[in-house]
Amino acid sequence: MDVSLVEYDVELITEGGVTYDLDNALISLAWEEQEGQLAQKAVVTVVNIKTGSGYLMSLAKLNCMIRIYAHWGAGRQKMFEGSIWEWSYTSAQTKELTLTVYDPMIRLQQCKDIKYFSPGMTTPAMLGSICGDWGVPLAYKWDQQITHEKKVFNGEAVSDIITKLLEEVRQQTGERYVALYKDGALTVSAHGANSDVYVFDTLNTISTSDKLSMSSLVTRVKIIGKEDNQGRSSVEAVVDGDMRFGILQEVIKRDNDKSIGAAKAEAQATLKERGQPEESIMLNSPDLPFLRKGDAVEVAAGNLIGKFHVLGVSHNATQRQMTMTLRRAG
């Protein structure tokens, strides 16, 4: 695609359901979704112009809807939809109104709940129960799931409950997932599930950065059992990984609901994920507004060669650029 053809539209939908085109008032526009965050965020800054129904600052109220569209010769497509969560007005020379907007997953991040799951439930069944409680459709497209042990959550953020269940699957299977709001549902799928994979080379890449660190490296996992009456725990197993970097140890505590086999599988998954120095990769390029967290891309720029997965992405429509954090695929 020709990124020079990309154009953006922003709409405000008021409490009364009236739609206002904000393009003529737009000062800046950006949206992002980052690793560890279920909700997508947008920041829209506009001039506080006067309309036939009053100034924008009186129309763009908290909880009103903002929609972001993009088109590049393939039709107008919705990139983001969410509610105004924060409202800020600056009465300076330009009289700016800044709106911070989140998609519906922000409510799962903000709300806390209690939840009990009996042993033997599958991952989709658990997530379906949570989403049903909150009226959120679930699209579970990940080909990985497990049968969980008993789970009790007391006063935890709903998004954290969802993430903990999915992380347990990832730890046991070694496969990575992405959870985000898409097509009106909480969608869970594998990394790299996109059919169109875009290539970033020296011609369409602005900059790259690559950093290696041993800060989170794990080379040995010790599995301990349940505490006795004196509070002591016995070592039940030790699982070693790549010992070239010396001993950097993690501990897994096995309770009565977790078998030693499941604990060893969790240890192996930990070593698979953290058994090598952590690599932090960033890439800055012209904006592809539809690129999302979890997508696969190919890179041939700087010292980066091969296939990567997007861990987080920030779209800056004002500058027509985006910044991605990446992880090597495989």
Protein backbone atom coordinates (compact mmCIF):
# COMPACT_ATOMS: atom_id res chain seq x y z
CA MET A 1 0.00 0.00 0.00
CA ASP A 2 1.03 3.63 -0.54
CA VAL A 3 1.26 5.14 2.95
CA SER A 4 1.23 8.64 1.46
CA LEU A 5 -2.46 8.10 0.64
CA VAL A 6 -3.50 7.49 4.26
CA GLU A 7 -6.02 10.02 5.61
CA TYR A 8 -7.76 10.12 9.00
CA ASP A 9 -11.23 11.18 10.15
CA VAL A 10 -12.40 11.71 13.73
CA GLU A 11 -16.03 11.81 14.87
CA LEU A 12 -17.65 12.85 18.13
CA ILE A 13 -21.03 11.32 19.02
CA THR A 14 -22.76 13.45 21.65
CA GLU A 15 -25.10 12.40 24.47
CA GLY A 16 -28.03 13.10 22.17
CA GLY A 17 -26.62 10.90 19.40
CA VAL A 18 -25.58 13.78 17.11
CA THR A 19 -22.38 13.14 15.13
CA TYR A 20 -19.80 15.92 14.66
CA ASP A 21 -16.84 15.72 12.28
CA LEU A 22 -13.79 16.98 14.19
CA ASP A 23 -11.38 17.10 11.25
CA ASN A 24 -11.47 20.89 10.83
CA ALA A 25 -10.76 21.39 14.55
CA LEU A 26 -8.11 18.69 14.92
CA ILE A 27 -4.73 19.66 16.37
CA SER A 28 -3.28 16.23 17.13
CA LEU A 29 -4.40 12.61 17.02
CA ALA A 30 -2.76 9.45 18.38
CA TRP A 31 -3.85 6.03 19.60
CA GLU A 32 -2.05 3.04 21.01
CA GLU A 33 -2.28 -0.43 22.54
CA GLN A 34 0.55 -1.72 24.66
CA GLU A 35 1.68 -5.02 26.11
CA GLY A 36 -0.03 -5.77 29.41
CA GLN A 37 -2.95 -3.43 28.71
CA LEU A 38 -6.30 -4.85 27.65
CA ALA A 39 -7.74 -1.50 26.56
CA GLN A 40 -6.78 0.58 23.55
CA LYS A 41 -6.22 4.29 24.22
CA ALA A 42 -6.57 7.39 22.02
CA VAL A 43 -5.70 11.03 22.68
CA VAL A 44 -7.50 13.66 20.59
CA THR A 45 -6.70 17.37 20.85
CA VAL A 46 -8.96 19.89 19.09
CA VAL A 47 -9.51 23.63 18.95
CA ASN A 48 -12.57 24.57 21.00
CA ILE A 49 -14.52 25.84 18.01
CA LYS A 50 -18.12 27.01 18.13
CA THR A 51 -20.81 24.92 16.45
CA GLY A 52 -24.49 25.56 15.90
CA SER A 53 -25.16 23.78 19.21
CA GLY A 54 -22.39 25.43 21.23
CA TYR A 55 -18.66 25.07 21.77
CA LEU A 56 -17.02 21.66 21.44
CA MET A 57 -16.09 21.72 25.13
CA SER A 58 -19.80 21.64 26.01
CA LEU A 59 -20.57 18.85 23.52
CA ALA A 60 -17.64 16.46 24.13
CA LYS A 61 -18.66 15.27 27.60
CA LEU A 62 -17.30 12.37 29.61
CA ASN A 63 -18.55 9.01 28.32
CA CYS A 64 -19.41 10.42 24.88
CA MET A 65 -18.18 8.33 21.95
CA ILE A 66 -15.16 9.06 19.73
CA ARG A 67 -14.54 7.16 16.50
CA ILE A 68 -11.35 7.22 14.42
CA TYR A 69 -11.43 6.25 10.74
CA ALA A 70 -8.68 5.82 8.18
CA HIS A 71 -8.78 5.46 4.41
CA TRP A 72 -5.99 4.82 1.91
CA GLY A 73 -7.84 4.06 -1.31
CA ALA A 74 -9.48 0.88 0.01
CA GLY A 75 -12.55 2.49 1.54
CA ARG A 76 -13.14 4.22 4.86
CA GLN A 77 -12.47 1.85 7.76
CA LYS A 78 -12.97 2.26 11.50
CA MET A 79 -9.69 1.99 13.42
CA PHE A 80 -10.86 2.84 16.93
CA GLU A 81 -14.04 3.40 18.93
CA GLY A 82 -14.22 4.35 22.57
CA SER A 83 -15.59 6.59 25.29
CA ILE A 84 -14.18 9.86 26.56
CA TRP A 85 -12.57 8.96 29.89
CA GLU A 86 -10.65 12.16 30.62
CA TRP A 87 -11.54 15.74 29.62
CA SER A 88 -9.06 18.62 29.77
CA TYR A 89 -9.52 22.21 28.57
CA THR A 90 -6.73 24.80 28.35
CA SER A 91 -7.81 28.40 27.95
CA ALA A 92 -4.62 29.54 26.26
CA GLN A 93 -4.23 31.35 22.95
CA THR A 94 -5.42 28.31 20.97
CA LYS A 95 -8.09 27.24 23.54
CA GLU A 96 -7.38 23.53 23.28
CA LEU A 97 -9.62 20.65 24.35
CA THR A 98 -7.82 17.34 24.97
CA LEU A 99 -9.83 14.13 25.15
CA THR A 100 -8.40 10.87 26.43
CA VAL A 101 -10.46 8.00 25.09
CA TYR A 102 -10.50 4.24 25.83
CA ASP A 103 -12.22 1.33 24.15
CA PRO A 104 -14.75 -0.72 26.20
CA MET A 105 -12.03 -2.88 27.77
CA ILE A 106 -11.15 0.02 30.09
CA ARG A 107 -14.13 -0.95 32.23
CA LEU A 108 -12.61 -4.39 32.78
CA GLN A 109 -9.35 -2.70 33.79
CA GLN A 110 -11.07 -0.28 36.16
CA CYS A 111 -13.57 -2.67 37.77
CA LYS A 112 -12.73 -5.21 40.48
CA ASP A 113 -14.68 -8.38 41.15
CA ILE A 114 -14.72 -11.69 43.00
CA LYS A 115 -14.81 -14.97 41.12
CA TYR A 116 -14.67 -18.67 42.02
CA PHE A 117 -13.97 -21.43 39.50
CA SER A 118 -14.21 -25.08 40.43
CA PRO A 119 -11.40 -27.39 39.25
CA GLY A 120 -11.67 -28.90 35.80
CA MET A 121 -12.98 -25.88 33.90
CA THR A 122 -11.41 -25.01 30.54
CA THR A 123 -9.93 -21.64 29.68
CA PRO A 124 -12.72 -20.63 27.23
CA ALA A 125 -15.37 -21.63 29.78
CA MET A 126 -13.78 -19.48 32.47
CA LEU A 127 -13.36 -16.47 30.19
CA GLY A 128 -16.88 -16.93 28.86
CA SER A 129 -18.21 -16.80 32.43
CA ILE A 130 -16.29 -13.58 33.14
CA CYS A 131 -17.36 -11.92 29.90
CA GLY A 132 -20.95 -13.00 30.50
CA ASP A 133 -20.90 -11.26 33.88
CA TRP A 134 -19.88 -8.01 32.21
CA GLY A 135 -21.93 -8.25 29.02
CA VAL A 136 -18.86 -8.51 26.78
CA PRO A 137 -18.93 -10.94 23.83
CA LEU A 138 -15.99 -13.34 23.74
CA ALA A 139 -14.25 -14.51 20.55
CA TYR A 140 -11.81 -17.22 21.65
CA LYS A 141 -9.75 -17.94 18.52
CA TRP A 142 -6.57 -19.21 20.18
CA ASP A 143 -5.91 -22.87 19.46
CA GLN A 144 -4.47 -23.32 22.96
CA GLN A 145 -6.40 -23.99 26.16
CA ILE A 146 -5.97 -26.01 29.34
CA THR A 147 -8.07 -27.50 32.11
CA HIS A 148 -7.44 -25.31 35.15
CA GLU A 149 -7.19 -26.07 38.83
CA LYS A 150 -9.52 -24.42 41.31
CA LYS A 151 -9.28 -20.63 41.09
CA VAL A 152 -10.38 -18.05 43.64
CA PHE A 153 -10.12 -14.33 42.90
CA ASN A 154 -11.05 -11.82 45.58
CA GLY A 155 -11.27 -8.13 44.73
CA GLU A 156 -8.98 -8.23 41.69
CA ALA A 157 -9.30 -6.17 38.52
CA VAL A 158 -11.35 -8.08 35.96
CA SER A 159 -8.65 -7.58 33.33
CA ASP A 160 -6.06 -9.04 35.74
CA ILE A 161 -8.23 -12.15 36.27
CA ILE A 162 -8.45 -12.62 32.50
CA THR A 163 -4.72 -12.11 32.07
CA LYS A 164 -3.81 -14.54 34.86
CA LEU A 165 -5.89 -17.30 33.28
CA LEU A 166 -4.37 -16.71 29.85
CA GLU A 167 -0.87 -16.49 31.32
CA GLU A 168 -1.35 -19.91 32.90
CA VAL A 169 -2.10 -21.32 29.44
CA ARG A 170 0.97 -19.60 28.01
CA GLN A 171 3.19 -20.90 30.81
CA GLN A 172 2.04 -24.49 30.33
CA THR A 173 2.01 -24.52 26.53
CA GLY A 174 4.83 -22.10 25.74
CA GLU A 175 2.63 -20.43 23.12
CA ARG A 176 1.97 -16.68 23.08
CA TYR A 177 -1.43 -15.01 22.75
CA VAL A 178 -2.93 -11.57 22.24
CA ALA A 179 -6.11 -10.34 23.93
CA LEU A 180 -7.76 -7.17 22.63
CA TYR A 181 -11.07 -5.57 21.71
CA LYS A 182 -11.94 -6.26 18.07
CA ASP A 183 -15.22 -6.25 16.13
CA GLY A 184 -17.23 -5.68 19.30
CA ALA A 185 -15.75 -8.55 21.31
CA LEU A 186 -12.86 -9.46 23.56
CA THR A 187 -10.81 -11.43 21.06
CA VAL A 188 -8.15 -13.93 22.11
CA SER A 189 -5.91 -15.30 19.36
CA ALA A 190 -2.38 -16.49 18.71
CA HIS A 191 0.42 -14.10 17.91
CA GLY A 192 0.90 -13.67 14.18
CA ALA A 193 -2.61 -14.68 13.14
CA ASN A 194 -2.89 -11.86 10.55
CA SER A 195 -3.15 -12.99 6.92
CA ASP A 196 -1.39 -9.96 5.40
CA VAL A 197 2.18 -9.62 6.68
CA TYR A 198 3.88 -6.31 5.94
CA VAL A 199 7.60 -5.96 5.29
CA PHE A 200 9.66 -3.13 6.80
CA ASP A 201 12.98 -2.61 5.05
CA THR A 202 15.48 0.23 4.72
CA LEU A 203 13.18 2.05 2.29
CA ASN A 204 10.15 2.27 4.59
CA THR A 205 11.75 2.24 8.05
CA ILE A 206 12.68 5.46 9.84
CA SER A 207 14.71 3.91 12.68
CA THR A 208 15.27 0.72 14.68
CA SER A 209 16.69 0.01 18.13
CA ASP A 210 17.76 -3.27 19.71
CA LYS A 211 18.82 -3.88 23.34
CA LEU A 212 19.89 -7.03 25.21
CA SER A 213 19.71 -7.46 29.01
CA MET A 214 20.21 -10.22 31.59
CA SER A 215 17.95 -8.51 34.15
CA SER A 216 15.06 -10.99 33.82
CA LEU A 217 17.11 -14.03 32.77
CA VAL A 218 16.29 -17.40 34.40
CA THR A 219 18.60 -20.40 34.01
CA ARG A 220 17.30 -22.61 36.85
CA VAL A 221 13.82 -23.24 38.27
CA LYS A 222 13.43 -24.81 41.70
CA ILE A 223 10.09 -26.47 42.49
CA ILE A 224 9.12 -26.57 46.16
CA GLY A 225 6.26 -28.33 47.89
CA LYS A 226 3.70 -27.25 50.43
CA GLU A 227 4.93 -25.84 53.76
CA ASP A 228 4.94 -28.10 56.81
CA ASN A 229 3.80 -27.08 60.30
CA GLN A 230 7.07 -25.20 60.87
CA GLY A 231 6.70 -23.28 57.59
CA ARG A 232 9.44 -25.24 55.79
CA SER A 233 9.14 -26.38 52.18
CA SER A 234 11.05 -29.25 50.61
CA VAL A 235 12.66 -29.08 47.18
CA GLU A 236 10.79 -31.50 44.90
CA ALA A 237 12.62 -30.84 41.63
CA VAL A 238 15.23 -28.62 39.98
CA VAL A 239 14.96 -27.85 36.27
CA ASP A 240 18.03 -26.37 34.58
CA GLY A 241 18.12 -24.36 31.38
CA ASP A 242 21.05 -22.75 29.57
CA MET A 243 23.72 -22.47 32.26
CA ARG A 244 26.24 -20.49 30.18
CA PHE A 245 25.17 -17.34 32.04
CA GLY A 246 25.54 -18.92 35.49
CA ILE A 247 22.78 -19.66 38.01
CA LEU A 248 19.86 -17.23 37.92
CA GLN A 249 17.10 -18.99 39.84
CA GLU A 250 13.31 -18.78 39.92
CA VAL A 251 11.10 -20.69 42.39
CA ILE A 252 7.74 -22.33 41.70
CA LYS A 253 5.62 -23.32 44.67
CA ARG A 254 3.51 -26.44 44.14
CA ASP A 255 0.32 -26.71 46.14
CA ASN A 256 -2.05 -29.66 46.45
CA ASP A 257 -3.98 -28.68 43.32
CA LYS A 258 -0.90 -28.75 41.07
CA SER A 259 0.80 -32.01 40.10
CA ILE A 260 4.58 -32.29 39.92
CA GLY A 261 4.22 -32.83 36.18
CA ALA A 262 2.30 -29.58 35.78
CA ALA A 263 4.89 -27.77 37.87
CA LYS A 264 7.72 -29.12 35.71
CA ALA A 265 5.84 -28.06 32.58
CA GLU A 266 5.49 -24.56 34.05
CA ALA A 267 9.22 -24.56 34.81
CA GLN A 268 10.06 -25.53 31.24
CA ALA A 269 7.75 -22.79 29.94
CA THR A 270 9.50 -20.27 32.19
CA LEU A 271 12.87 -21.34 30.84
CA LYS A 272 11.57 -21.18 27.28
CA GLU A 273 10.37 -17.61 27.77
CA ARG A 274 13.08 -16.23 30.06
CA GLY A 275 15.95 -18.63 29.48
CA GLN A 276 17.83 -16.23 27.21
CA PRO A 277 18.80 -12.55 27.65
CA GLU A 278 15.79 -10.26 27.18
CA GLU A 279 15.73 -8.39 23.90
CA SER A 280 13.93 -5.04 23.58
CA ILE A 281 13.22 -4.05 20.00
CA MET A 282 11.60 -0.88 18.67
CA LEU A 283 10.86 0.17 15.11
CA ASN A 284 9.64 3.55 13.85
CA SER A 285 8.05 3.78 10.41
CA PRO A 286 5.35 5.53 8.37
CA ASP A 287 1.95 4.74 9.85
CA LEU A 288 -0.13 1.72 8.93
CA PRO A 289 -3.29 2.61 10.88
CA PHE A 290 -4.69 -0.92 10.86
CA LEU A 291 -1.59 -2.61 12.35
CA ARG A 292 -2.40 -3.98 15.80
CA LYS A 293 -0.81 -5.64 18.78
CA GLY A 294 -0.16 -9.33 18.09
CA ASP A 295 0.31 -8.93 14.33
CA ALA A 296 3.25 -10.53 12.55
CA VAL A 297 5.60 -8.35 10.50
CA GLU A 298 8.82 -8.96 8.58
CA VAL A 299 11.80 -6.69 9.07
CA ALA A 300 14.96 -6.20 7.03
CA ALA A 301 16.38 -2.99 8.47
CA GLY A 302 19.28 -2.15 10.75
CA ASN A 303 20.43 -5.33 12.49
CA LEU A 304 16.89 -6.78 12.41
CA ILE A 305 16.29 -9.54 9.88
CA GLY A 306 13.36 -11.95 9.97
CA LYS A 307 9.82 -12.32 11.25
CA PHE A 308 8.63 -10.48 14.37
CA HIS A 309 5.46 -10.11 16.43
CA VAL A 310 4.09 -6.73 17.51
CA LEU A 311 3.95 -6.44 21.33
CA GLY A 312 2.68 -2.86 21.29
CA VAL A 313 2.04 -0.11 18.78
CA SER A 314 1.53 3.65 18.95
CA HIS A 315 -0.05 5.42 15.96
CA ASN A 316 0.70 9.12 15.57
CA ALA A 317 -1.70 10.34 12.91
CA THR A 318 -0.45 13.91 13.19
CA GLN A 319 3.08 12.92 12.15
CA ARG A 320 1.88 10.01 9.97
CA GLN A 321 4.22 7.69 11.87
CA MET A 322 3.97 4.69 14.18
CA THR A 323 6.28 3.11 16.76
CA MET A 324 6.21 -0.63 17.38
CA THR A 325 7.74 -2.74 20.13
CA LEU A 326 8.62 -6.12 18.66
CA ARG A 327 9.54 -9.65 19.66
CA ARG A 328 11.31 -12.16 17.45
CA ALA A 329 8.89 -14.85 16.26
CA GLY A 330 9.56 -18.45 17.14
